[in-house]
């Protein structure tokens, strides 16, 4: 439990700040928002789904947060502020930072959700609204505002004019607001800590005059204008509380015990439900604002729970913007259609989210360089457990693809799957040239040893390419498998590199394959050997054997 800092220290800190309210403090050297970003990002990067997710780096997020003081305008007494963060008064109206849950007024939740949508969608496809870095920073900023007690009070400028002005637009002699507007708290100023009278005419007058010269002053926060002249905002309860929080709380006070309650992923779809995800973020922000309003007495006295709620909410929406689904493709010639450039393409799917992915499906489309021959572009993989715990991957059946341009061909692979307990985008997309499309020279023969199953191996490579690809039915550890692999050619006529691929069991389970080829190719045959491993963890086994293949002069 932290105690109040000496009042003189709070006043001194507040007087150093510019004349604009900064939720949680975003001013250079006084940046609680950056502290919250650190906590949420540290939690997110521990998630296996974070790796290669496309989520922006923390440094790039920092570059879109924070403001700094430039100078004071002597004619108005208003501070000039600059910087990339949303607290820059030239970037956002005040109402974007507030929400009064009792009145259901204020644009904080809607603004949070809008930038969250830009963040989630921007990691999948290009968007013109905002960069993913800015969207990550700003969605976090506005979400954090909803846990600040002073950002869940007040009213829009239009409502203020109705409440505080007469029919001629003049300030009323007395301005009495209910707690719905002000929620009377302790007053921190030069005179010490006390209570406020029922008449808010002084604060109303200050705000009204400011709104005439500041176009962004569209929200009346009574606790932002109750300081002592001439530091009416710098010594306000709002600003002093934020100064006190920054200097009295740190990472050890923030507790993240799970994602924010109430988040529900929408139904997964190949056309992602961006609008439904946006609604989830808006409702979460409103729930947090409601919780903040209900706990104002406790949270203005101790900020630990407010900070914890902020960091948890940021972590939640950031996690919902990424997915734990991953995939890769394997292609090999269709041996049933000799003389035609037809390949069989399969997709392996991994689930990095810490729960089972439900009803995983894969959709394939050809972007360029060929066409899809299979009637159904969608394959069902089914439920897929967490890869880290089970080492299992799901593998689709094969699509038939006619290839017009092996080097220029590109396919689009989309993966969807549902998660019940983890905020997740539930959609992954990959555009790539599949491994295995090179092939103008073909070899058939036997591979013996650990992978030997008596079935013929089919291997192909292109003299002008750097990859060799193949497919073979094998028996491994007593189970029939189909091996898809590709390996780089170190020299034009020598197979000398790694074989990385997938051994698919007939049940649909997949085992990763990593082996070293060392073989010599001449015009007639390929002779060599291989050694490596198949599987990972508890399923890992060594493999070794020989290769003896003859040139079939196939030309697709």
Protein backbone atom coordinates (compact mmCIF):
# COMPACT_ATOMS: atom_id res chain seq x y z
CA UNK A 1 0.00 0.00 0.00
CA UNK A 2 1.54 3.31 -1.10
CA UNK A 3 1.14 6.51 0.88
CA UNK A 4 0.55 9.98 -0.51
CA UNK A 5 3.72 11.81 -1.45
CA UNK A 6 4.28 15.10 0.38
CA UNK A 7 1.87 17.65 -1.03
CA UNK A 8 4.63 20.10 -1.90
CA UNK A 9 6.21 17.46 -4.13
CA UNK A 10 2.96 16.84 -5.96
CA UNK A 11 2.45 20.57 -6.47
CA UNK A 12 6.00 21.03 -7.72
CA UNK A 13 5.63 18.16 -10.16
CA UNK A 14 2.30 19.46 -11.36
CA UNK A 15 3.65 22.97 -11.92
CA UNK A 16 6.27 21.54 -14.24
CA UNK A 17 3.56 20.15 -16.51
CA UNK A 18 1.91 21.83 -19.50
CA UNK A 19 -1.60 23.21 -19.41
CA UNK A 20 -3.30 20.15 -20.90
CA UNK A 21 -4.65 17.08 -19.12
CA UNK A 22 -2.68 13.92 -19.80
CA UNK A 23 -4.42 10.70 -18.90
CA UNK A 24 -2.10 8.53 -16.81
CA UNK A 25 0.62 11.01 -17.79
CA UNK A 26 2.08 10.90 -21.30
CA UNK A 27 4.40 13.89 -20.95
CA UNK A 28 8.09 13.33 -21.64
CA UNK A 29 9.72 12.30 -18.36
CA UNK A 30 6.30 11.73 -16.81
CA UNK A 31 4.96 8.92 -18.94
CA UNK A 32 2.73 6.45 -17.14
CA UNK A 33 1.36 5.41 -20.53
CA UNK A 34 4.80 4.15 -21.56
CA UNK A 35 5.05 2.27 -18.29
CA UNK A 36 1.74 0.52 -19.09
CA UNK A 37 2.95 -0.27 -22.61
CA UNK A 38 6.04 -1.92 -21.11
CA UNK A 39 3.99 -4.13 -18.79
CA UNK A 40 1.52 -5.23 -21.48
CA UNK A 41 4.20 -5.81 -24.10
CA UNK A 42 6.31 -7.89 -21.74
CA UNK A 43 3.29 -10.10 -21.09
CA UNK A 44 2.43 -10.39 -24.78
CA UNK A 45 5.90 -11.36 -25.94
CA UNK A 46 5.89 -14.36 -23.57
CA UNK A 47 3.07 -15.86 -25.64
CA UNK A 48 4.28 -18.40 -28.26
CA UNK A 49 1.85 -16.80 -30.72
CA UNK A 50 3.79 -13.52 -30.54
CA UNK A 51 6.75 -14.81 -32.53
CA UNK A 52 6.49 -13.93 -36.23
CA UNK A 53 2.99 -12.56 -35.61
CA UNK A 54 3.60 -9.26 -37.37
CA UNK A 55 2.95 -7.27 -34.19
CA UNK A 56 5.05 -4.07 -34.15
CA UNK A 57 8.13 -3.66 -31.99
CA UNK A 58 7.91 -1.78 -28.72
CA UNK A 59 10.31 0.86 -30.02
CA UNK A 60 7.99 1.63 -32.95
CA UNK A 61 5.03 1.79 -30.59
CA UNK A 62 6.95 4.23 -28.36
CA UNK A 63 7.49 6.41 -31.43
CA UNK A 64 3.72 6.98 -31.59
CA UNK A 65 3.19 7.81 -27.91
CA UNK A 66 4.07 10.75 -25.68
CA UNK A 67 4.12 14.53 -25.97
CA UNK A 68 6.46 17.29 -24.86
CA UNK A 69 6.12 20.90 -23.73
CA UNK A 70 7.16 23.60 -26.22
CA UNK A 71 6.22 26.93 -24.64
CA UNK A 72 3.42 29.00 -23.09
CA UNK A 73 1.38 31.37 -25.20
CA UNK A 74 1.48 34.64 -23.18
CA UNK A 75 -1.67 35.94 -24.82
CA UNK A 76 -3.83 33.02 -23.70
CA UNK A 77 -1.82 31.32 -20.97
CA UNK A 78 -2.26 28.02 -22.83
CA UNK A 79 0.76 25.75 -23.23
CA UNK A 80 1.96 24.77 -26.70
CA UNK A 81 2.34 20.99 -26.89
CA UNK A 82 3.88 18.79 -29.57
CA UNK A 83 4.62 15.11 -30.04
CA UNK A 84 3.32 11.96 -31.78
CA UNK A 85 0.99 10.75 -29.02
CA UNK A 86 -2.77 11.18 -28.90
CA UNK A 87 -2.42 13.73 -26.09
CA UNK A 88 -1.15 16.19 -28.68
CA UNK A 89 -4.07 18.68 -28.71
CA UNK A 90 -3.66 19.12 -32.46
CA UNK A 91 -4.23 15.40 -33.00
CA UNK A 92 -7.29 14.49 -30.97
CA UNK A 93 -10.28 16.21 -29.34
CA UNK A 94 -10.58 15.88 -25.56
CA UNK A 95 -13.75 13.79 -25.85
CA UNK A 96 -11.75 10.91 -27.34
CA UNK A 97 -10.13 10.49 -23.91
CA UNK A 98 -13.29 10.44 -21.80
CA UNK A 99 -16.38 8.35 -21.16
CA UNK A 100 -19.00 8.93 -18.49
CA UNK A 101 -20.68 5.51 -18.06
CA UNK A 102 -23.61 6.95 -16.11
CA UNK A 103 -24.50 9.27 -18.98
CA UNK A 104 -23.20 6.90 -21.69
CA UNK A 105 -21.42 9.90 -23.20
CA UNK A 106 -17.85 10.35 -24.39
CA UNK A 107 -15.90 8.86 -27.28
CA UNK A 108 -13.18 6.98 -25.39
CA UNK A 109 -14.54 3.44 -25.97
CA UNK A 110 -15.40 4.04 -29.63
CA UNK A 111 -11.98 5.55 -30.30
CA UNK A 112 -10.25 2.65 -28.55
CA UNK A 113 -12.17 0.18 -30.68
CA UNK A 114 -11.51 2.01 -33.93
CA UNK A 115 -7.75 1.95 -33.48
CA UNK A 116 -7.92 -1.68 -32.31
CA UNK A 117 -9.64 -2.55 -35.59
CA UNK A 118 -6.89 -0.76 -37.51
CA UNK A 119 -4.31 -2.75 -35.53
CA UNK A 120 -5.89 -6.18 -36.10
CA UNK A 121 -6.72 -5.60 -39.75
CA UNK A 122 -3.42 -3.85 -40.48
CA UNK A 123 -1.46 -6.99 -39.56
CA UNK A 124 -3.36 -8.88 -42.27
CA UNK A 125 -3.75 -6.36 -45.07
CA UNK A 126 -2.62 -2.83 -45.79
CA UNK A 127 -4.85 -0.11 -44.39
CA UNK A 128 -4.88 3.61 -45.06
CA UNK A 129 -6.39 4.70 -41.74
CA UNK A 130 -3.29 4.29 -39.55
CA UNK A 131 -0.08 2.28 -39.34
CA UNK A 132 -0.03 -0.78 -37.10
CA UNK A 133 2.52 0.97 -34.88
CA UNK A 134 0.29 3.98 -34.37
CA UNK A 135 -2.77 1.76 -33.97
CA UNK A 136 -1.05 -0.31 -31.26
CA UNK A 137 0.00 2.82 -29.36
CA UNK A 138 -3.26 4.70 -29.68
CA UNK A 139 -5.61 1.79 -29.00
CA UNK A 140 -3.61 1.14 -25.82
CA UNK A 141 -3.66 4.82 -24.85
CA UNK A 142 -7.41 5.30 -25.15
CA UNK A 143 -8.11 1.95 -23.48
CA UNK A 144 -5.90 2.96 -20.54
CA UNK A 145 -7.83 6.23 -20.20
CA UNK A 146 -10.87 4.20 -19.18
CA UNK A 147 -9.14 3.19 -15.94
CA UNK A 148 -8.36 6.77 -14.87
CA UNK A 149 -10.93 8.01 -12.31
CA UNK A 150 -10.81 11.52 -13.73
CA UNK A 151 -11.59 10.29 -17.24
CA UNK A 152 -14.96 8.74 -16.39
CA UNK A 153 -16.58 11.99 -15.18
CA UNK A 154 -17.72 15.13 -16.95
CA UNK A 155 -19.81 15.80 -20.03
CA UNK A 156 -19.59 16.95 -23.67
CA UNK A 157 -19.33 20.64 -24.46
CA UNK A 158 -22.85 20.68 -25.92
CA UNK A 159 -24.32 19.30 -22.68
CA UNK A 160 -22.21 21.72 -20.66
CA UNK A 161 -23.70 24.67 -22.53
CA UNK A 162 -27.19 23.40 -21.74
CA UNK A 163 -26.36 22.96 -18.04
CA UNK A 164 -24.17 25.99 -17.35
CA UNK A 165 -25.28 28.77 -19.71
CA UNK A 166 -28.42 30.85 -19.93
CA UNK A 167 -30.42 31.35 -23.12
CA UNK A 168 -28.10 34.19 -24.16
CA UNK A 169 -24.99 32.06 -23.83
CA UNK A 170 -23.81 33.64 -20.59
CA UNK A 171 -22.54 31.66 -17.62
CA UNK A 172 -25.15 31.16 -14.91
CA UNK A 173 -24.41 32.83 -11.54
CA UNK A 174 -24.43 29.40 -9.94
CA UNK A 175 -23.50 26.13 -11.65
CA UNK A 176 -24.67 23.12 -9.67
CA UNK A 177 -23.77 19.69 -11.03
CA UNK A 178 -24.84 16.38 -9.57
CA UNK A 179 -22.34 13.67 -8.80
CA UNK A 180 -23.30 12.16 -12.13
CA UNK A 181 -21.13 14.90 -13.62
CA UNK A 182 -18.48 15.63 -11.02
CA UNK A 183 -18.40 12.68 -8.60
CA UNK A 184 -17.00 14.84 -5.79
CA UNK A 185 -13.61 13.61 -4.62
CA UNK A 186 -10.87 15.08 -2.51
CA UNK A 187 -9.50 18.39 -3.76
CA UNK A 188 -5.70 18.57 -4.02
CA UNK A 189 -4.32 22.11 -4.30
CA UNK A 190 -2.18 24.64 -2.48
CA UNK A 191 -4.61 24.77 0.44
CA UNK A 192 -4.28 21.04 1.04
CA UNK A 193 -6.70 18.18 0.67
CA UNK A 194 -10.34 19.04 1.15
CA UNK A 195 -13.79 18.86 -0.40
CA UNK A 196 -15.44 20.95 -3.06
CA UNK A 197 -18.56 23.09 -2.67
CA UNK A 198 -21.70 22.38 -4.66
CA UNK A 199 -21.13 25.44 -6.86
CA UNK A 200 -18.84 24.79 -9.83
CA UNK A 201 -19.18 28.26 -11.37
CA UNK A 202 -15.43 28.97 -11.14
CA UNK A 203 -14.43 25.78 -12.96
CA UNK A 204 -17.24 26.17 -15.48
CA UNK A 205 -16.12 29.70 -16.29
CA UNK A 206 -12.52 28.68 -16.81
CA UNK A 207 -13.48 25.82 -19.10
CA UNK A 208 -15.95 27.91 -21.10
CA UNK A 209 -13.38 30.61 -21.82
CA UNK A 210 -10.85 27.98 -22.85
CA UNK A 211 -13.35 26.30 -25.19
CA UNK A 212 -13.68 29.58 -27.09
CA UNK A 213 -10.01 29.49 -28.12
CA UNK A 214 -9.28 25.74 -28.21
CA UNK A 215 -11.20 23.80 -30.83
CA UNK A 216 -10.23 20.51 -29.17
CA UNK A 217 -11.74 21.52 -25.79
CA UNK A 218 -15.01 19.64 -26.33
CA UNK A 219 -15.32 17.91 -22.94
CA UNK A 220 -15.83 19.46 -19.50
CA UNK A 221 -13.81 17.70 -16.81
CA UNK A 222 -14.57 19.65 -13.59
CA UNK A 223 -11.54 18.25 -11.79
CA UNK A 224 -9.20 19.61 -14.45
CA UNK A 225 -10.13 23.25 -13.74
CA UNK A 226 -10.19 23.37 -9.91
CA UNK A 227 -6.61 24.47 -9.31
CA UNK A 228 -5.36 27.77 -7.92
CA UNK A 229 -4.81 30.72 -10.25
CA UNK A 230 -2.65 31.14 -12.28
CA UNK A 231 -1.90 27.40 -12.36
CA UNK A 232 -5.56 26.47 -12.69
CA UNK A 233 -4.92 23.22 -14.55
CA UNK A 234 -1.39 22.44 -13.40
CA UNK A 235 -2.50 22.44 -9.77
CA UNK A 236 -5.84 20.73 -10.42
CA UNK A 237 -6.91 17.52 -8.71
CA UNK A 238 -6.67 15.71 -12.04
CA UNK A 239 -3.08 16.71 -12.72
CA UNK A 240 -1.82 16.31 -9.17
CA UNK A 241 -3.30 12.83 -8.91
CA UNK A 242 -1.50 11.76 -12.09
CA UNK A 243 1.77 13.20 -10.79
CA UNK A 244 1.28 11.34 -7.54
CA UNK A 245 0.58 8.05 -9.35
CA UNK A 246 3.67 8.31 -11.54
CA UNK A 247 5.98 8.85 -8.58
CA UNK A 248 4.42 6.33 -6.21
CA UNK A 249 3.63 3.23 -8.28
CA UNK A 250 5.75 0.90 -10.39
CA UNK A 251 5.72 -2.48 -12.15
CA UNK A 252 5.55 -4.47 -8.93
CA UNK A 253 2.15 -2.94 -8.19
CA UNK A 254 0.61 -4.21 -11.44
CA UNK A 255 -0.98 -7.66 -11.30
CA UNK A 256 -1.97 -9.46 -14.51
CA UNK A 257 -3.92 -12.54 -13.50
CA UNK A 258 -5.55 -13.26 -16.85
CA UNK A 259 -7.19 -11.58 -19.79
CA UNK A 260 -9.91 -9.00 -19.26
CA UNK A 261 -13.22 -10.59 -18.32
CA UNK A 262 -16.01 -10.64 -20.84
CA UNK A 263 -13.97 -10.76 -24.03
CA UNK A 264 -15.59 -13.13 -26.53
CA UNK A 265 -14.06 -13.90 -29.91
CA UNK A 266 -16.54 -13.68 -32.79
CA UNK A 267 -17.15 -16.75 -34.94
CA UNK A 268 -14.04 -17.38 -37.09
CA UNK A 269 -14.52 -16.71 -40.79
CA UNK A 270 -12.44 -16.43 -43.96
CA UNK A 271 -13.81 -12.89 -44.21
CA UNK A 272 -12.75 -11.78 -40.69
CA UNK A 273 -15.43 -10.10 -38.59
CA UNK A 274 -13.51 -6.85 -38.09
CA UNK A 275 -16.65 -4.95 -37.07
CA UNK A 276 -17.56 -7.58 -34.45
CA UNK A 277 -14.03 -7.45 -33.06
CA UNK A 278 -14.31 -3.67 -32.93
CA UNK A 279 -17.55 -3.98 -30.97
CA UNK A 280 -15.85 -6.34 -28.48
CA UNK A 281 -13.12 -3.76 -27.85
CA UNK A 282 -15.66 -0.96 -27.39
CA UNK A 283 -17.71 -3.00 -24.92
CA UNK A 284 -14.56 -3.91 -22.98
CA UNK A 285 -13.62 -0.23 -22.72
CA UNK A 286 -17.12 0.63 -21.48
CA UNK A 287 -17.03 -2.16 -18.87
CA UNK A 288 -13.68 -0.92 -17.59
CA UNK A 289 -14.94 2.66 -17.39
CA UNK A 290 -17.97 1.44 -15.44
CA UNK A 291 -15.69 -0.46 -13.04
CA UNK A 292 -13.51 2.62 -12.63
CA UNK A 293 -16.52 4.82 -11.87
CA UNK A 294 -17.78 2.33 -9.28
CA UNK A 295 -14.39 2.32 -7.51
CA UNK A 296 -13.46 5.99 -7.64
CA UNK A 297 -13.07 6.43 -3.89
CA UNK A 298 -10.72 3.46 -3.56
CA UNK A 299 -8.82 4.01 -6.80
CA UNK A 300 -8.11 7.68 -6.21
CA UNK A 301 -6.61 6.66 -2.87
CA UNK A 302 -4.62 3.72 -4.29
CA UNK A 303 -3.85 3.36 -7.99
CA UNK A 304 -2.67 -0.27 -8.03
CA UNK A 305 -5.98 -1.75 -9.20
CA UNK A 306 -6.51 0.97 -11.77
CA UNK A 307 -3.04 0.38 -13.22
CA UNK A 308 -3.61 -3.38 -13.22
CA UNK A 309 -6.90 -2.98 -15.07
CA UNK A 310 -5.23 -0.70 -17.63
CA UNK A 311 -2.36 -3.08 -18.34
CA UNK A 312 -4.69 -6.10 -18.49
CA UNK A 313 -6.98 -4.38 -20.98
CA UNK A 314 -4.06 -3.37 -23.21
CA UNK A 315 -2.65 -6.91 -23.11
CA UNK A 316 -6.09 -8.29 -23.98
CA UNK A 317 -6.74 -6.18 -27.06
CA UNK A 318 -3.17 -6.57 -28.28
CA UNK A 319 -3.47 -10.37 -27.95
CA UNK A 320 -6.80 -10.29 -29.77
CA UNK A 321 -5.11 -8.56 -32.71
CA UNK A 322 -2.78 -11.52 -33.42
CA UNK A 323 -3.33 -15.24 -33.89
CA UNK A 324 -1.56 -18.43 -32.90
CA UNK A 325 -2.39 -20.12 -36.20
CA UNK A 326 0.49 -20.75 -38.63
CA UNK A 327 0.88 -22.71 -41.87
CA UNK A 328 3.26 -23.80 -44.61
CA UNK A 329 2.70 -25.52 -47.95
CA UNK A 330 4.28 -28.48 -49.75
CA UNK A 331 3.94 -29.25 -53.45
CA UNK A 332 4.96 -32.28 -55.50
CA UNK A 333 4.25 -33.46 -59.04
CA UNK A 334 1.05 -35.43 -59.59
CA UNK A 335 2.41 -38.76 -60.82
CA UNK A 336 -1.02 -39.80 -62.09
CA UNK A 337 -0.91 -37.05 -64.73
CA UNK A 338 2.43 -37.50 -66.59
CA UNK A 339 3.25 -34.88 -69.16
CA UNK A 340 1.13 -32.22 -67.47
CA UNK A 341 2.22 -29.48 -65.14
CA UNK A 342 -0.06 -30.59 -62.33
CA UNK A 343 1.07 -30.60 -58.74
CA UNK A 344 -0.42 -31.84 -55.50
CA UNK A 345 -0.34 -29.19 -52.79
CA UNK A 346 -0.85 -29.82 -49.09
CA UNK A 347 -0.83 -27.38 -46.20
CA UNK A 348 0.51 -28.09 -42.72
CA UNK A 349 -1.07 -26.06 -39.89
CA UNK A 350 0.35 -25.44 -36.43
CA UNK A 351 -1.47 -23.94 -33.44
CA UNK A 352 0.71 -21.85 -31.12
CA UNK A 353 -2.15 -20.61 -28.94
CA UNK A 354 -2.22 -22.20 -25.47
CA UNK A 355 -5.51 -23.99 -26.06
CA UNK A 356 -7.00 -26.26 -28.70
CA UNK A 357 -7.99 -24.57 -31.94
CA UNK A 358 -11.51 -25.66 -32.82
CA UNK A 359 -12.67 -26.65 -36.30
CA UNK A 360 -9.54 -25.53 -38.13
CA UNK A 361 -10.12 -24.98 -41.85
CA UNK A 362 -7.83 -24.01 -44.70
CA UNK A 363 -8.78 -22.21 -47.90
CA UNK A 364 -6.50 -22.19 -50.95
CA UNK A 365 -6.59 -19.82 -53.89
CA UNK A 366 -4.12 -19.25 -56.72
CA UNK A 367 -3.02 -15.62 -56.96
CA UNK A 368 -1.00 -15.96 -60.16
CA UNK A 369 0.94 -18.41 -62.31
CA UNK A 370 -1.61 -21.21 -62.41
CA UNK A 371 -5.09 -22.31 -61.45
CA UNK A 372 -6.80 -24.50 -58.89
CA UNK A 373 -8.19 -27.72 -60.39
CA UNK A 374 -9.80 -29.09 -57.23
CA UNK A 375 -13.49 -28.24 -56.92
CA UNK A 376 -13.46 -27.40 -53.22
CA UNK A 377 -11.00 -24.69 -52.16
CA UNK A 378 -11.63 -25.39 -48.46
CA UNK A 379 -10.18 -28.33 -46.51
CA UNK A 380 -11.13 -29.21 -42.92
CA UNK A 381 -8.31 -30.04 -40.52
CA UNK A 382 -10.50 -30.30 -37.41
CA UNK A 383 -9.51 -29.54 -33.83
CA UNK A 384 -5.81 -28.89 -33.40
CA UNK A 385 -4.07 -28.98 -29.99
CA UNK A 386 -1.32 -26.61 -28.93
CA UNK A 387 1.85 -27.40 -30.86
CA UNK A 388 4.27 -26.54 -28.05
CA UNK A 389 2.68 -29.10 -25.74
CA UNK A 390 1.87 -31.88 -28.23
CA UNK A 391 4.27 -31.31 -31.16
CA UNK A 392 1.33 -32.03 -33.44
CA UNK A 393 0.53 -30.29 -36.69
CA UNK A 394 -2.52 -30.75 -38.86
CA UNK A 395 -2.19 -31.56 -42.54
CA UNK A 396 -4.79 -31.07 -45.24
CA UNK A 397 -5.62 -33.46 -48.02
CA UNK A 398 -4.09 -32.51 -51.37
CA UNK A 399 -5.38 -29.89 -53.79
CA UNK A 400 -4.60 -30.33 -57.47
CA UNK A 401 -3.01 -27.22 -58.94
CA UNK A 402 -2.10 -26.65 -62.57
CA UNK A 403 1.09 -24.65 -62.85
CA UNK A 404 1.69 -22.29 -65.76
CA UNK A 405 4.70 -20.48 -64.30
CA UNK A 406 6.57 -22.53 -61.66
CA UNK A 407 8.87 -19.66 -60.69
CA UNK A 408 6.24 -16.93 -60.68
CA UNK A 409 3.37 -18.90 -59.18
CA UNK A 410 1.88 -17.61 -55.93
CA UNK A 411 -0.87 -19.08 -53.79
CA UNK A 412 -2.90 -17.57 -50.98
CA UNK A 413 -3.46 -19.78 -47.95
CA UNK A 414 -6.01 -18.75 -45.33
CA UNK A 415 -6.42 -20.57 -42.02
CA UNK A 416 -9.24 -20.11 -39.50
CA UNK A 417 -9.92 -21.76 -36.15
CA UNK A 418 -11.87 -20.93 -33.02
CA UNK A 419 -10.58 -20.22 -29.50
CA UNK A 420 -12.85 -20.09 -26.46
CA UNK A 421 -10.53 -18.77 -23.75
CA UNK A 422 -7.88 -16.71 -25.53
CA UNK A 423 -8.44 -13.38 -27.28
CA UNK A 424 -7.31 -14.22 -30.81
CA UNK A 425 -7.80 -12.93 -34.35
CA UNK A 426 -8.58 -16.55 -35.38
CA UNK A 427 -7.41 -15.86 -38.93
CA UNK A 428 -4.02 -16.34 -40.57
CA UNK A 429 -3.13 -15.61 -44.17
CA UNK A 430 0.01 -16.43 -46.13
CA UNK A 431 0.86 -15.67 -49.73
CA UNK A 432 3.84 -17.62 -51.04
CA UNK A 433 5.36 -19.64 -53.82
CA UNK A 434 4.95 -23.21 -52.53
CA UNK A 435 8.03 -25.33 -51.95
CA UNK A 436 8.30 -28.06 -54.54
CA UNK A 437 7.27 -26.32 -57.75
CA UNK A 438 10.68 -26.60 -59.40
CA UNK A 439 10.96 -29.68 -61.53
CA UNK A 440 12.11 -30.37 -65.03
CA UNK A 441 14.32 -33.39 -64.32
CA UNK A 442 12.83 -36.32 -62.46
CA UNK A 443 14.30 -39.29 -60.63
CA UNK A 444 12.56 -42.42 -59.41
CA UNK A 445 13.96 -45.17 -57.27
CA UNK A 446 14.29 -46.52 -53.76
CA UNK A 447 15.31 -44.91 -50.53
CA UNK A 448 16.40 -47.47 -47.95
CA UNK A 449 17.11 -47.33 -44.25
CA UNK A 450 14.97 -45.71 -41.56
CA UNK A 451 12.54 -44.28 -44.10
CA UNK A 452 12.56 -47.24 -46.43
CA UNK A 453 9.15 -48.70 -47.03
CA UNK A 454 9.61 -50.40 -50.36
CA UNK A 455 7.74 -47.61 -52.15
CA UNK A 456 9.31 -45.59 -54.90
CA UNK A 457 10.75 -42.19 -54.11
CA UNK A 458 10.04 -39.44 -56.58
CA UNK A 459 12.51 -36.57 -56.60
CA UNK A 460 12.84 -33.62 -58.97
CA UNK A 461 15.08 -30.65 -59.44
CA UNK A 462 15.67 -27.88 -61.94
CA UNK A 463 19.16 -27.16 -63.23
CA UNK A 464 18.41 -23.45 -62.92
CA UNK A 465 16.98 -23.59 -59.42
CA UNK A 466 18.49 -23.92 -55.98
CA UNK A 467 15.92 -26.33 -54.59
CA UNK A 468 15.29 -30.02 -54.90
CA UNK A 469 11.89 -31.37 -53.93
CA UNK A 470 10.39 -34.76 -53.42
CA UNK A 471 7.63 -36.99 -52.16
CA UNK A 472 7.59 -40.60 -50.98
CA UNK A 473 5.41 -43.03 -49.11
CA UNK A 474 7.43 -44.49 -46.26
CA UNK A 475 7.01 -46.52 -43.11
CA UNK A 476 8.37 -44.96 -39.96
CA UNK A 477 8.14 -46.44 -36.48
CA UNK A 478 5.50 -48.85 -37.72
CA UNK A 479 3.22 -46.24 -39.22
CA UNK A 480 2.68 -45.48 -42.91
CA UNK A 481 3.63 -41.91 -43.75
CA UNK A 482 3.88 -39.72 -46.78
CA UNK A 483 7.03 -37.62 -46.83
CA UNK A 484 7.13 -34.18 -48.43
CA UNK A 485 10.41 -32.34 -48.38
CA UNK A 486 12.63 -29.79 -50.02
CA UNK A 487 16.36 -29.24 -49.77
CA UNK A 488 18.77 -26.65 -51.18
CA UNK A 489 21.33 -27.56 -53.82
CA UNK A 490 24.76 -26.36 -52.77
CA UNK A 491 26.24 -27.15 -56.19
CA UNK A 492 24.58 -27.72 -59.54
CA UNK A 493 25.26 -31.44 -59.67
CA UNK A 494 25.51 -32.27 -55.98
CA UNK A 495 22.76 -32.78 -53.45
CA UNK A 496 24.40 -31.50 -50.31
CA UNK A 497 22.09 -29.75 -47.88
CA UNK A 498 19.29 -29.97 -45.40
CA UNK A 499 16.05 -31.84 -46.00
CA UNK A 500 13.24 -30.06 -44.21
CA UNK A 501 9.78 -31.41 -44.58
CA UNK A 502 6.82 -33.14 -43.09
CA UNK A 503 6.03 -36.81 -42.58
CA UNK A 504 2.27 -37.14 -42.52
CA UNK A 505 0.72 -40.11 -40.76
CA UNK A 506 -2.44 -41.57 -42.26
CA UNK A 507 -4.36 -40.31 -39.20
CA UNK A 508 -3.51 -36.73 -40.14
CA UNK A 509 -0.84 -36.18 -37.48
CA UNK A 510 2.36 -34.64 -38.77
CA UNK A 511 5.99 -35.13 -37.77
CA UNK A 512 8.67 -32.65 -38.75
CA UNK A 513 11.58 -34.03 -40.76
CA UNK A 514 15.10 -32.61 -40.75
CA UNK A 515 17.82 -34.57 -42.52
CA UNK A 516 21.07 -34.04 -44.41
CA UNK A 517 21.43 -35.25 -47.99
CA UNK A 518 24.83 -36.02 -49.46
CA UNK A 519 24.49 -37.40 -52.95
CA UNK A 520 26.11 -37.16 -56.38
CA UNK A 521 23.99 -36.70 -59.50
CA UNK A 522 25.04 -37.64 -63.02
CA UNK A 523 22.94 -37.94 -66.15
CA UNK A 524 21.79 -41.43 -65.32
CA UNK A 525 21.47 -41.82 -61.58
CA UNK A 526 21.62 -40.27 -58.18
CA UNK A 527 23.52 -42.20 -55.52
CA UNK A 528 24.06 -41.05 -51.98
CA UNK A 529 22.93 -41.20 -48.38
CA UNK A 530 20.92 -39.26 -45.83
CA UNK A 531 20.98 -38.81 -42.06
CA UNK A 532 18.96 -36.73 -39.67
CA UNK A 533 15.94 -36.78 -37.39
CA UNK A 534 12.20 -37.06 -37.61
CA UNK A 535 9.81 -35.64 -35.05
CA UNK A 536 10.55 -33.41 -32.07
CA UNK A 537 10.77 -33.77 -28.32
CA UNK A 538 9.52 -37.13 -27.06
CA UNK A 539 8.73 -38.21 -30.63
CA UNK A 540 12.20 -37.43 -31.98
CA UNK A 541 14.10 -40.32 -33.60
CA UNK A 542 17.28 -40.58 -35.64
CA UNK A 543 17.04 -41.62 -39.27
CA UNK A 544 19.66 -42.74 -41.80
CA UNK A 545 19.82 -44.61 -45.06
CA UNK A 546 20.85 -44.68 -48.71
CA UNK A 547 19.49 -43.18 -51.91
CA UNK A 548 19.61 -44.92 -55.29
CA UNK A 549 17.57 -43.25 -58.01
CA UNK A 550 17.48 -43.37 -61.81
CA UNK A 551 16.80 -40.49 -64.17
CA UNK A 552 13.35 -40.89 -65.71
CA UNK A 553 13.74 -37.79 -67.91
CA UNK A 554 10.28 -36.64 -66.94
CA UNK A 555 9.48 -33.21 -68.25
CA UNK A 556 6.28 -31.62 -67.01
